Amino acid sequence: MGQISVNEKILSAGDIAGEPSRNHSVSQGELETILGYKEELQRNRSLFTLLFQSLAIAAIPYGEGSPLISAIYGGGQLSIFLGWIVILILDECVALSLGELASRYPTSGGPSYWAFQVAPKWKVEAAYITGWIWLIGNITITLSVNFGFASLISATVSMYHPDFIMSDWQLLLVFYAICIITMVICTFFNRWLPMVDTICAAWTAFSIVVILIALSVKADAGRHSAAYALGHYDKSFSGWGDFTFFIGLLPAAYTFSAIGMISSMAEECADPALKVPRAISLCVPVGGLAGFFFIIPICVTMPPLADVIGAPGGQALP
């Protein structure tokens, strides 16, 4: 099937590749018929489960909390608060662009298929390179999340048992165990994954509320003024001088670094041309708003930065 005929069929099926029709939705199997391959996956996800999945991927308390030490080296409160705003603006621009492509080409191939469609020439080569980069990126960020979780477990154990220090090989075994558990869940319990995503999103919201209340009430190190809590900046820890602020952007950037992963769910939901781009574009503002309830209490109650840097296991917020 030639490229022209594919695009003509897509256009005739409701202008999916052009201006979307307001009254047209793609029926189950129609898109696969247009694109020329058989549907294999179950379409068991709604807009809300896709949004919950994207929020679960972001996992704000983990995404911002586990690498929070980078923001401490990156200047402290100013980098955390202002950096969050900067990253939200930049990532929403990326999300809207990805949503546009997901709306026009709603397939599980995601960026690989998009590269093939939009490249003026060398389409196959562009799709091949993009696909491998995307796959390696997905694998890398997944492993980083699992290893970060293992580090959090190690730091939390050290808090309650100061005499216990997890060795490198023990930490590696915990990391392997987490990888195996997640692999088994994703491989054999596909039909339960929408519920898992919903639970994860609810757990994220619950964690934010708990941390908000706990930090606000306890505040062992006291409460800073608004000017200090949102504007304190100390670049003496990083050794990078004026570049220090950009180091502080890493936790926020890490939180929303995988917003494009949701595009691979296009063939597991009905109406992917509408639901996938909406989930992608809503993830940043919804997650960003929730994130303010997480980072502001941290900024207001944070102890001296030097004390945070000395936290067990290098985890500022276990």
C-alpha atoms as a PDB file:
ATOM      1  CA  MET A   1       0.000   0.000   0.000  1.00  0.00           C
ATOM      2  CA  GLY A   2       1.551   3.307  -1.107  1.00  0.00           C
ATOM      3  CA  GLN A   3       1.938   6.329   1.081  1.00  0.00           C
ATOM      4  CA  ILE A   4      -0.515   8.397  -0.959  1.00  0.00           C
ATOM      5  CA  SER A   5      -3.237   5.774  -0.762  1.00  0.00           C
ATOM      6  CA  VAL A   6      -2.839   5.473   3.001  1.00  0.00           C
ATOM      7  CA  ASN A   7      -3.157   9.192   3.541  1.00  0.00           C
ATOM      8  CA  GLU A   8      -6.111   9.395   1.172  1.00  0.00           C
ATOM      9  CA  LYS A   9      -7.894   6.656   3.115  1.00  0.00           C
ATOM     10  CA  ILE A  10      -7.169   8.354   6.412  1.00  0.00           C
ATOM     11  CA  LEU A  11      -8.474  11.648   5.073  1.00  0.00           C
ATOM     12  CA  SER A  12     -11.598  10.021   3.743  1.00  0.00           C
ATOM     13  CA  ALA A  13     -12.196   8.326   7.101  1.00  0.00           C
ATOM     14  CA  GLY A  14     -12.763  11.566   8.922  1.00  0.00           C
ATOM     15  CA  ASP A  15      -9.734  13.748   8.211  1.00  0.00           C
ATOM     16  CA  ILE A  16      -7.620  12.077  10.892  1.00  0.00           C
ATOM     17  CA  ALA A  17      -4.511  13.151   8.998  1.00  0.00           C
ATOM     18  CA  GLY A  18      -5.820  16.603   8.275  1.00  0.00           C
ATOM     19  CA  GLU A  19      -8.293  18.807  10.126  1.00  0.00           C
ATOM     20  CA  PRO A  20     -10.086  16.463  12.548  1.00  0.00           C
ATOM     21  CA  SER A  21     -13.802  16.110  12.090  1.00  0.00           C
ATOM     22  CA  ARG A  22     -15.698  17.183  15.200  1.00  0.00           C
ATOM     23  CA  ASN A  23     -18.401  14.598  14.680  1.00  0.00           C
ATOM     24  CA  HIS A  24     -16.269  11.662  13.603  1.00  0.00           C
ATOM     25  CA  SER A  25     -14.721   9.067  15.890  1.00  0.00           C
ATOM     26  CA  VAL A  26     -12.720   6.091  14.713  1.00  0.00           C
ATOM     27  CA  SER A  27     -14.575   2.844  15.305  1.00  0.00           C
ATOM     28  CA  GLN A  28     -12.835  -0.228  16.670  1.00  0.00           C
ATOM     29  CA  GLY A  29     -10.710  -1.787  13.955  1.00  0.00           C
ATOM     30  CA  GLU A  30     -11.289   1.015  11.443  1.00  0.00           C
ATOM     31  CA  LEU A  31      -7.882   2.603  11.900  1.00  0.00           C
ATOM     32  CA  GLU A  32      -6.143  -0.757  11.573  1.00  0.00           C
ATOM     33  CA  THR A  33      -8.052  -1.433   8.360  1.00  0.00           C
ATOM     34  CA  ILE A  34      -6.962   1.937   7.018  1.00  0.00           C
ATOM     35  CA  LEU A  35      -3.320   1.409   7.947  1.00  0.00           C
ATOM     36  CA  GLY A  36      -3.280  -2.143   6.671  1.00  0.00           C
ATOM     37  CA  TYR A  37      -2.530  -4.417   9.621  1.00  0.00           C
ATOM     38  CA  LYS A  38      -4.560  -6.582  11.967  1.00  0.00           C
ATOM     39  CA  GLU A  39      -5.500  -5.410  15.440  1.00  0.00           C
ATOM     40  CA  GLU A  40      -3.874  -7.552  18.143  1.00  0.00           C
ATOM     41  CA  LEU A  41      -4.198  -5.622  21.424  1.00  0.00           C
ATOM     42  CA  GLN A  42      -7.241  -5.214  23.659  1.00  0.00           C
ATOM     43  CA  ARG A  43      -8.816  -1.763  23.645  1.00  0.00           C
ATOM     44  CA  ASN A  44      -9.540  -1.691  27.364  1.00  0.00           C
ATOM     45  CA  ARG A  45      -8.460   1.852  28.249  1.00  0.00           C
ATOM     46  CA  SER A  46     -10.485   5.041  28.506  1.00  0.00           C
ATOM     47  CA  LEU A  47      -9.369   8.669  28.519  1.00  0.00           C
ATOM     48  CA  PHE A  48      -9.256   8.654  32.311  1.00  0.00           C
ATOM     49  CA  THR A  49      -7.180   5.470  32.544  1.00  0.00           C
ATOM     50  CA  LEU A  50      -4.777   6.920  29.954  1.00  0.00           C
ATOM     51  CA  LEU A  51      -4.536  10.137  31.968  1.00  0.00           C
ATOM     52  CA  PHE A  52      -4.091   8.142  35.175  1.00  0.00           C
ATOM     53  CA  GLN A  53      -1.373   6.127  33.468  1.00  0.00           C
ATOM     54  CA  SER A  54       0.464   9.266  32.378  1.00  0.00           C
ATOM     55  CA  LEU A  55       0.189  10.656  35.925  1.00  0.00           C
ATOM     56  CA  ALA A  56       1.386   7.319  37.316  1.00  0.00           C
ATOM     57  CA  ILE A  57       4.380   7.487  34.985  1.00  0.00           C
ATOM     58  CA  ALA A  58       5.147  11.006  36.207  1.00  0.00           C
ATOM     59  CA  ALA A  59       4.631   9.873  39.854  1.00  0.00           C
ATOM     60  CA  ILE A  60       5.273  13.338  41.265  1.00  0.00           C
ATOM     61  CA  PRO A  61       6.359  12.401  44.820  1.00  0.00           C
ATOM     62  CA  TYR A  62       8.834   9.925  43.368  1.00  0.00           C
ATOM     63  CA  GLY A  63       9.802  11.827  40.215  1.00  0.00           C
ATOM     64  CA  GLU A  64      10.495  15.054  42.089  1.00  0.00           C
ATOM     65  CA  GLY A  65      11.436  13.502  45.431  1.00  0.00           C
ATOM     66  CA  SER A  66      14.004  10.845  44.505  1.00  0.00           C
ATOM     67  CA  PRO A  67      16.364  13.201  42.612  1.00  0.00           C
ATOM     68  CA  LEU A  68      15.595  16.148  44.914  1.00  0.00           C
ATOM     69  CA  ILE A  69      19.222  16.160  46.055  1.00  0.00           C
ATOM     70  CA  SER A  70      20.085  17.534  42.591  1.00  0.00           C
ATOM     71  CA  ALA A  71      17.900  20.564  43.269  1.00  0.00           C
ATOM     72  CA  ILE A  72      19.678  21.060  46.603  1.00  0.00           C
ATOM     73  CA  TYR A  73      23.028  21.149  44.840  1.00  0.00           C
ATOM     74  CA  GLY A  74      21.309  23.285  42.217  1.00  0.00           C
ATOM     75  CA  GLY A  75      20.608  26.135  44.611  1.00  0.00           C
ATOM     76  CA  GLY A  76      17.787  25.035  46.890  1.00  0.00           C
ATOM     77  CA  GLN A  77      14.322  26.516  47.104  1.00  0.00           C
ATOM     78  CA  LEU A  78      14.515  28.845  44.111  1.00  0.00           C
ATOM     79  CA  SER A  79      15.570  26.051  41.799  1.00  0.00           C
ATOM     80  CA  ILE A  80      12.833  23.784  43.125  1.00  0.00           C
ATOM     81  CA  PHE A  81       9.978  26.285  42.845  1.00  0.00           C
ATOM     82  CA  LEU A  82      10.956  28.363  39.821  1.00  0.00           C
ATOM     83  CA  GLY A  83      12.430  25.319  38.111  1.00  0.00           C
ATOM     84  CA  TRP A  84       9.083  23.547  38.432  1.00  0.00           C
ATOM     85  CA  ILE A  85       7.337  26.426  36.657  1.00  0.00           C
ATOM     86  CA  VAL A  86       9.964  26.630  33.900  1.00  0.00           C
ATOM     87  CA  ILE A  87       9.802  22.898  33.223  1.00  0.00           C
ATOM     88  CA  LEU A  88       5.991  22.914  33.196  1.00  0.00           C
ATOM     89  CA  ILE A  89       5.942  25.579  30.490  1.00  0.00           C
ATOM     90  CA  LEU A  90       8.575  23.857  28.364  1.00  0.00           C
ATOM     91  CA  ASP A  91       7.087  20.384  28.796  1.00  0.00           C
ATOM     92  CA  GLU A  92       3.578  21.533  27.942  1.00  0.00           C
ATOM     93  CA  CYS A  93       4.932  22.857  24.643  1.00  0.00           C
ATOM     94  CA  VAL A  94       6.430  19.426  24.018  1.00  0.00           C
ATOM     95  CA  ALA A  95       3.208  17.686  25.121  1.00  0.00           C
ATOM     96  CA  LEU A  96       1.060  19.749  22.760  1.00  0.00           C
ATOM     97  CA  SER A  97       3.403  18.956  19.867  1.00  0.00           C
ATOM     98  CA  LEU A  98       3.367  15.246  20.686  1.00  0.00           C
ATOM     99  CA  GLY A  99      -0.409  15.366  21.045  1.00  0.00           C
ATOM    100  CA  GLU A 100      -0.729  16.866  17.584  1.00  0.00           C
ATOM    101  CA  LEU A 101       1.318  14.041  16.098  1.00  0.00           C
ATOM    102  CA  ALA A 102      -0.555  11.424  18.152  1.00  0.00           C
ATOM    103  CA  SER A 103      -3.848  12.813  16.884  1.00  0.00           C
ATOM    104  CA  ARG A 104      -2.721  12.681  13.285  1.00  0.00           C
ATOM    105  CA  TYR A 105      -0.987   9.287  13.436  1.00  0.00           C
ATOM    106  CA  PRO A 106      -2.540   7.331  16.353  1.00  0.00           C
ATOM    107  CA  THR A 107      -0.553   4.093  16.230  1.00  0.00           C
ATOM    108  CA  SER A 108       1.469   2.237  18.843  1.00  0.00           C
ATOM    109  CA  GLY A 109       4.584   2.875  16.760  1.00  0.00           C
ATOM    110  CA  GLY A 110       4.564   6.370  18.199  1.00  0.00           C
ATOM    111  CA  PRO A 111       7.628   8.502  17.354  1.00  0.00           C
ATOM    112  CA  SER A 112       9.014   5.854  15.009  1.00  0.00           C
ATOM    113  CA  TYR A 113       5.891   5.989  12.822  1.00  0.00           C
ATOM    114  CA  TRP A 114       5.688   9.780  13.152  1.00  0.00           C
ATOM    115  CA  ALA A 115       9.275  10.121  11.919  1.00  0.00           C
ATOM    116  CA  PHE A 116       8.418   8.007   8.891  1.00  0.00           C
ATOM    117  CA  GLN A 117       5.410  10.172   8.081  1.00  0.00           C
ATOM    118  CA  VAL A 118       6.939  13.629   8.537  1.00  0.00           C
ATOM    119  CA  ALA A 119      10.454  13.034   7.174  1.00  0.00           C
ATOM    120  CA  PRO A 120      10.779  14.639   3.707  1.00  0.00           C
ATOM    121  CA  LYS A 121      13.196  11.881   2.629  1.00  0.00           C
ATOM    122  CA  TRP A 122      15.093   8.925   4.107  1.00  0.00           C
ATOM    123  CA  LYS A 123      11.818   7.914   5.768  1.00  0.00           C
ATOM    124  CA  VAL A 124      12.784   4.336   6.627  1.00  0.00           C
ATOM    125  CA  GLU A 125      16.146   5.399   8.027  1.00  0.00           C
ATOM    126  CA  ALA A 126      14.537   8.167  10.094  1.00  0.00           C
ATOM    127  CA  ALA A 127      11.928   5.745  11.462  1.00  0.00           C
ATOM    128  CA  TYR A 128      14.588   3.127  12.271  1.00  0.00           C
ATOM    129  CA  ILE A 129      16.867   5.545  14.129  1.00  0.00           C
ATOM    130  CA  THR A 130      13.979   7.241  15.943  1.00  0.00           C
ATOM    131  CA  GLY A 131      12.465   3.912  16.953  1.00  0.00           C
ATOM    132  CA  TRP A 132      15.701   2.636  18.473  1.00  0.00           C
ATOM    133  CA  ILE A 133      16.389   5.904  20.291  1.00  0.00           C
ATOM    134  CA  TRP A 134      12.835   5.861  21.656  1.00  0.00           C
ATOM    135  CA  LEU A 135      13.129   2.217  22.736  1.00  0.00           C
ATOM    136  CA  ILE A 136      16.500   2.769  24.434  1.00  0.00           C
ATOM    137  CA  GLY A 137      15.096   5.863  26.141  1.00  0.00           C
ATOM    138  CA  ASN A 138      12.084   3.910  27.424  1.00  0.00           C
ATOM    139  CA  ILE A 139      14.307   1.103  28.713  1.00  0.00           C
ATOM    140  CA  THR A 140      16.720   3.555  30.335  1.00  0.00           C
ATOM    141  CA  ILE A 141      14.068   5.600  32.129  1.00  0.00           C
ATOM    142  CA  THR A 142      12.285   2.431  33.286  1.00  0.00           C
ATOM    143  CA  LEU A 143      15.496   1.046  34.749  1.00  0.00           C
ATOM    144  CA  SER A 144      16.286   4.405  36.344  1.00  0.00           C
ATOM    145  CA  VAL A 145      12.887   4.404  38.060  1.00  0.00           C
ATOM    146  CA  ASN A 146      13.431   0.874  39.362  1.00  0.00           C
ATOM    147  CA  PHE A 147      16.938   1.688  40.591  1.00  0.00           C
ATOM    148  CA  GLY A 148      15.694   4.903  42.194  1.00  0.00           C
ATOM    149  CA  PHE A 149      13.006   2.889  43.984  1.00  0.00           C
ATOM    150  CA  ALA A 150      15.674   0.487  45.240  1.00  0.00           C
ATOM    151  CA  SER A 151      17.700   3.473  46.530  1.00  0.00           C
ATOM    152  CA  LEU A 152      14.627   4.820  48.310  1.00  0.00           C
ATOM    153  CA  ILE A 153      14.105   1.475  50.009  1.00  0.00           C
ATOM    154  CA  SER A 154      17.747   1.479  51.117  1.00  0.00           C
ATOM    155  CA  ALA A 155      17.534   5.046  52.468  1.00  0.00           C
ATOM    156  CA  THR A 156      14.259   4.357  54.282  1.00  0.00           C
ATOM    157  CA  VAL A 157      15.688   1.253  55.968  1.00  0.00           C
ATOM    158  CA  SER A 158      18.737   3.300  57.026  1.00  0.00           C
ATOM    159  CA  MET A 159      16.472   5.855  58.692  1.00  0.00           C
ATOM    160  CA  TYR A 160      14.932   3.263  61.014  1.00  0.00           C
ATOM    161  CA  HIS A 161      18.070   1.118  61.372  1.00  0.00           C
ATOM    162  CA  PRO A 162      21.060   3.501  61.278  1.00  0.00           C
ATOM    163  CA  ASP A 163      23.531   0.650  61.862  1.00  0.00           C
ATOM    164  CA  PHE A 164      22.437  -1.112  58.686  1.00  0.00           C
ATOM    165  CA  ILE A 165      24.103   0.019  55.466  1.00  0.00           C
ATOM    166  CA  MET A 166      23.002  -1.776  52.328  1.00  0.00           C
ATOM    167  CA  SER A 167      26.029  -2.887  50.330  1.00  0.00           C
ATOM    168  CA  ASP A 168      26.301  -2.471  46.569  1.00  0.00           C
ATOM    169  CA  TRP A 169      25.438  -6.087  45.812  1.00  0.00           C
ATOM    170  CA  GLN A 170      22.424  -5.998  48.138  1.00  0.00           C
ATOM    171  CA  LEU A 171      21.164  -2.830  46.453  1.00  0.00           C
ATOM    172  CA  LEU A 172      21.657  -4.510  43.080  1.00  0.00           C
ATOM    173  CA  LEU A 173      19.624  -7.543  44.187  1.00  0.00           C
ATOM    174  CA  VAL A 174      16.785  -5.280  45.356  1.00  0.00           C
ATOM    175  CA  PHE A 175      16.905  -3.576  41.957  1.00  0.00           C
ATOM    176  CA  TYR A 176      16.740  -6.941  40.157  1.00  0.00           C
ATOM    177  CA  ALA A 177      13.791  -8.021  42.312  1.00  0.00           C
ATOM    178  CA  ILE A 178      11.873  -4.840  41.444  1.00  0.00           C
ATOM    179  CA  CYS A 179      12.571  -5.379  37.727  1.00  0.00           C
ATOM    180  CA  ILE A 180      11.328  -8.986  37.881  1.00  0.00           C
ATOM    181  CA  ILE A 181       8.168  -8.059  39.792  1.00  0.00           C
ATOM    182  CA  THR A 182       7.244  -5.285  37.353  1.00  0.00           C
ATOM    183  CA  MET A 183       7.990  -7.537  34.369  1.00  0.00           C
ATOM    184  CA  VAL A 184       5.687 -10.261  35.685  1.00  0.00           C
ATOM    185  CA  ILE A 185       2.857  -7.795  36.356  1.00  0.00           C
ATOM    186  CA  CYS A 186       3.086  -6.195  32.907  1.00  0.00           C
ATOM    187  CA  THR A 187       3.469  -9.516  31.084  1.00  0.00           C
ATOM    188  CA  PHE A 188       0.803 -11.687  32.684  1.00  0.00           C
ATOM    189  CA  PHE A 189      -1.759  -9.266  34.096  1.00  0.00           C
ATOM    190  CA  ASN A 190      -2.493  -6.975  31.151  1.00  0.00           C
ATOM    191  CA  ARG A 191      -6.219  -6.791  31.787  1.00  0.00           C
ATOM    192  CA  TRP A 192      -5.582  -5.515  35.313  1.00  0.00           C
ATOM    193  CA  LEU A 193      -3.165  -2.773  34.232  1.00  0.00           C
ATOM    194  CA  PRO A 194      -5.857  -0.046  33.829  1.00  0.00           C
ATOM    195  CA  MET A 195      -6.868  -0.683  37.442  1.00  0.00           C
ATOM    196  CA  VAL A 196      -3.201  -0.648  38.497  1.00  0.00           C
ATOM    197  CA  ASP A 197      -2.722   2.710  36.765  1.00  0.00           C
ATOM    198  CA  THR A 198      -5.787   4.101  38.530  1.00  0.00           C
ATOM    199  CA  ILE A 199      -4.529   2.861  41.886  1.00  0.00           C
ATOM    200  CA  CYS A 200      -1.080   4.342  41.207  1.00  0.00           C
ATOM    201  CA  ALA A 201      -2.581   7.722  40.306  1.00  0.00           C
ATOM    202  CA  ALA A 202      -4.732   7.637  43.456  1.00  0.00           C
ATOM    203  CA  TRP A 203      -1.690   6.642  45.519  1.00  0.00           C
ATOM    204  CA  THR A 204       0.217   9.595  44.029  1.00  0.00           C
ATOM    205  CA  ALA A 205      -2.559  11.996  45.066  1.00  0.00           C
ATOM    206  CA  PHE A 206      -2.778  10.378  48.505  1.00  0.00           C
ATOM    207  CA  SER A 207       1.001  10.643  48.975  1.00  0.00           C
ATOM    208  CA  ILE A 208       0.971  14.334  48.078  1.00  0.00           C
ATOM    209  CA  VAL A 209      -1.775  15.022  50.635  1.00  0.00           C
ATOM    210  CA  VAL A 210       0.015  13.016  53.357  1.00  0.00           C
ATOM    211  CA  ILE A 211       3.341  14.759  52.721  1.00  0.00           C
ATOM    212  CA  LEU A 212       1.614  18.150  52.598  1.00  0.00           C
ATOM    213  CA  ILE A 213      -0.035  17.609  55.986  1.00  0.00           C
ATOM    214  CA  ALA A 214       2.945  15.903  57.634  1.00  0.00           C
ATOM    215  CA  LEU A 215       5.493  18.534  56.621  1.00  0.00           C
ATOM    216  CA  SER A 216       3.180  21.437  57.369  1.00  0.00           C
ATOM    217  CA  VAL A 217       2.310  20.165  60.846  1.00  0.00           C
ATOM    218  CA  LYS A 218       5.664  18.817  62.010  1.00  0.00           C
ATOM    219  CA  ALA A 219       8.163  21.284  60.470  1.00  0.00           C
ATOM    220  CA  ASP A 220      11.044  20.261  62.742  1.00  0.00           C
ATOM    221  CA  ALA A 221      13.381  22.818  61.161  1.00  0.00           C
ATOM    222  CA  GLY A 222      10.811  25.586  61.445  1.00  0.00           C
ATOM    223  CA  ARG A 223       8.905  27.415  58.736  1.00  0.00           C
ATOM    224  CA  HIS A 224      10.548  29.903  56.420  1.00  0.00           C
ATOM    225  CA  SER A 225       9.082  33.152  55.196  1.00  0.00           C
ATOM    226  CA  ALA A 226       7.547  33.189  51.733  1.00  0.00           C
ATOM    227  CA  ALA A 227      10.500  35.164  50.350  1.00  0.00           C
ATOM    228  CA  TYR A 228      12.995  32.614  51.693  1.00  0.00           C
ATOM    229  CA  ALA A 229      10.870  29.552  50.879  1.00  0.00           C
ATOM    230  CA  LEU A 230      10.415  30.492  47.232  1.00  0.00           C
ATOM    231  CA  GLY A 231      13.522  32.589  46.576  1.00  0.00           C
ATOM    232  CA  HIS A 232      16.464  31.203  48.579  1.00  0.00           C
ATOM    233  CA  TYR A 233      19.353  30.409  46.243  1.00  0.00           C
ATOM    234  CA  ASP A 234      22.750  29.056  47.268  1.00  0.00           C
ATOM    235  CA  LYS A 235      25.089  28.092  44.450  1.00  0.00           C
ATOM    236  CA  SER A 236      28.046  27.231  46.669  1.00  0.00           C
ATOM    237  CA  PHE A 237      27.411  23.466  46.740  1.00  0.00           C
ATOM    238  CA  SER A 238      27.554  22.563  43.053  1.00  0.00           C
ATOM    239  CA  GLY A 239      30.821  24.120  41.962  1.00  0.00           C
ATOM    240  CA  TRP A 240      29.235  25.196  38.686  1.00  0.00           C
ATOM    241  CA  GLY A 241      28.801  28.880  39.436  1.00  0.00           C
ATOM    242  CA  ASP A 242      26.061  30.583  37.448  1.00  0.00           C
ATOM    243  CA  PHE A 243      25.127  27.281  35.783  1.00  0.00           C
ATOM    244  CA  THR A 244      23.958  25.945  39.152  1.00  0.00           C
ATOM    245  CA  PHE A 245      20.310  26.865  38.562  1.00  0.00           C
ATOM    246  CA  PHE A 246      20.064  24.514  35.580  1.00  0.00           C
ATOM    247  CA  ILE A 247      21.251  21.606  37.725  1.00  0.00           C
ATOM    248  CA  GLY A 248      18.262  22.338  39.944  1.00  0.00           C
ATOM    249  CA  LEU A 249      15.923  21.788  36.992  1.00  0.00           C
ATOM    250  CA  LEU A 250      16.772  18.082  36.828  1.00  0.00           C
ATOM    251  CA  PRO A 251      14.130  16.758  39.299  1.00  0.00           C
ATOM    252  CA  ALA A 252      11.266  18.560  37.550  1.00  0.00           C
ATOM    253  CA  ALA A 253      12.571  17.548  34.124  1.00  0.00           C
ATOM    254  CA  TYR A 254      12.905  13.943  35.280  1.00  0.00           C
ATOM    255  CA  THR A 255       9.310  13.951  36.550  1.00  0.00           C
ATOM    256  CA  PHE A 256       7.860  14.759  33.123  1.00  0.00           C
ATOM    257  CA  SER A 257      10.555  13.156  30.983  1.00  0.00           C
ATOM    258  CA  ALA A 258       8.321  10.291  29.833  1.00  0.00           C
ATOM    259  CA  ILE A 259       5.140  12.073  28.733  1.00  0.00           C
ATOM    260  CA  GLY A 260       5.538  10.670  25.219  1.00  0.00           C
ATOM    261  CA  MET A 261       5.432   7.063  26.419  1.00  0.00           C
ATOM    262  CA  ILE A 262       1.634   7.192  26.532  1.00  0.00           C
ATOM    263  CA  SER A 263       1.580   7.368  22.718  1.00  0.00           C
ATOM    264  CA  SER A 264       2.321   3.635  22.595  1.00  0.00           C
ATOM    265  CA  MET A 265      -1.133   3.010  24.097  1.00  0.00           C
ATOM    266  CA  ALA A 266      -2.891   4.168  20.919  1.00  0.00           C
ATOM    267  CA  GLU A 267      -3.955   0.642  20.029  1.00  0.00           C
ATOM    268  CA  GLU A 268      -5.213  -0.172  23.527  1.00  0.00           C
ATOM    269  CA  CYS A 269      -8.001   2.422  23.632  1.00  0.00           C
ATOM    270  CA  ALA A 270     -10.991   3.285  21.493  1.00  0.00           C
ATOM    271  CA  ASP A 271     -10.873   6.622  19.673  1.00  0.00           C
ATOM    272  CA  PRO A 272      -7.075   6.942  19.978  1.00  0.00           C
ATOM    273  CA  ALA A 273      -6.993  10.015  17.722  1.00  0.00           C
ATOM    274  CA  LEU A 274      -8.873  11.909  20.452  1.00  0.00           C
ATOM    275  CA  LYS A 275      -8.038  10.200  23.741  1.00  0.00           C
ATOM    276  CA  VAL A 276      -4.261   9.779  23.414  1.00  0.00           C
ATOM    277  CA  PRO A 277      -3.488  13.431  22.578  1.00  0.00           C
ATOM    278  CA  ARG A 278      -5.859  14.620  25.310  1.00  0.00           C
ATOM    279  CA  ALA A 279      -4.125  12.408  27.871  1.00  0.00           C
ATOM    280  CA  ILE A 280      -0.699  13.637  26.760  1.00  0.00           C
ATOM    281  CA  SER A 281      -1.649  17.315  26.815  1.00  0.00           C
ATOM    282  CA  LEU A 282      -3.521  17.088  30.156  1.00  0.00           C
ATOM    283  CA  CYS A 283      -0.751  15.257  32.004  1.00  0.00           C
ATOM    284  CA  VAL A 284       1.485  18.316  32.437  1.00  0.00           C
ATOM    285  CA  PRO A 285      -1.095  20.847  33.712  1.00  0.00           C
ATOM    286  CA  VAL A 286      -2.862  18.329  35.978  1.00  0.00           C
ATOM    287  CA  GLY A 287       0.390  16.904  37.295  1.00  0.00           C
ATOM    288  CA  GLY A 288       1.958  20.351  37.517  1.00  0.00           C
ATOM    289  CA  LEU A 289      -0.880  21.727  39.637  1.00  0.00           C
ATOM    290  CA  ALA A 290      -0.688  18.734  41.967  1.00  0.00           C
ATOM    291  CA  GLY A 291       3.070  19.190  42.148  1.00  0.00           C
ATOM    292  CA  PHE A 292       2.757  22.634  43.725  1.00  0.00           C
ATOM    293  CA  PHE A 293       1.069  21.007  46.738  1.00  0.00           C
ATOM    294  CA  PHE A 294       4.126  18.780  46.995  1.00  0.00           C
ATOM    295  CA  ILE A 295       7.038  21.175  46.463  1.00  0.00           C
ATOM    296  CA  ILE A 296       5.781  24.237  48.369  1.00  0.00           C
ATOM    297  CA  PRO A 297       5.616  22.458  51.778  1.00  0.00           C
ATOM    298  CA  ILE A 298       9.110  21.114  51.096  1.00  0.00           C
ATOM    299  CA  CYS A 299      10.440  24.589  50.307  1.00  0.00           C
ATOM    300  CA  VAL A 300       8.746  26.142  53.360  1.00  0.00           C
ATOM    301  CA  THR A 301       9.967  23.539  55.881  1.00  0.00           C
ATOM    302  CA  MET A 302      13.334  22.557  54.408  1.00  0.00           C
ATOM    303  CA  PRO A 303      16.221  22.396  56.893  1.00  0.00           C
ATOM    304  CA  PRO A 304      19.636  23.914  56.039  1.00  0.00           C
ATOM    305  CA  LEU A 305      20.795  22.706  52.638  1.00  0.00           C
ATOM    306  CA  ALA A 306      24.039  21.312  54.055  1.00  0.00           C
ATOM    307  CA  ASP A 307      22.047  19.030  56.358  1.00  0.00           C
ATOM    308  CA  VAL A 308      19.951  17.758  53.451  1.00  0.00           C
ATOM    309  CA  ILE A 309      23.061  16.948  51.428  1.00  0.00           C
ATOM    310  CA  GLY A 310      24.206  14.678  54.242  1.00  0.00           C
ATOM    311  CA  ALA A 311      20.986  12.617  54.162  1.00  0.00           C
ATOM    312  CA  PRO A 312      21.285   8.794  54.295  1.00  0.00           C
ATOM    313  CA  GLY A 313      21.803   7.146  50.913  1.00  0.00           C
ATOM    314  CA  GLY A 314      21.901  10.523  49.170  1.00  0.00           C
ATOM    315  CA  GLN A 315      18.110  10.657  49.324  1.00  0.00           C
ATOM    316  CA  ALA A 316      16.762  14.031  50.409  1.00  0.00           C
ATOM    317  CA  LEU A 317      13.196  12.697  50.717  1.00  0.00           C
ATOM    318  CA  PRO A 318      13.060   8.933  51.442  1.00  0.00           C
END
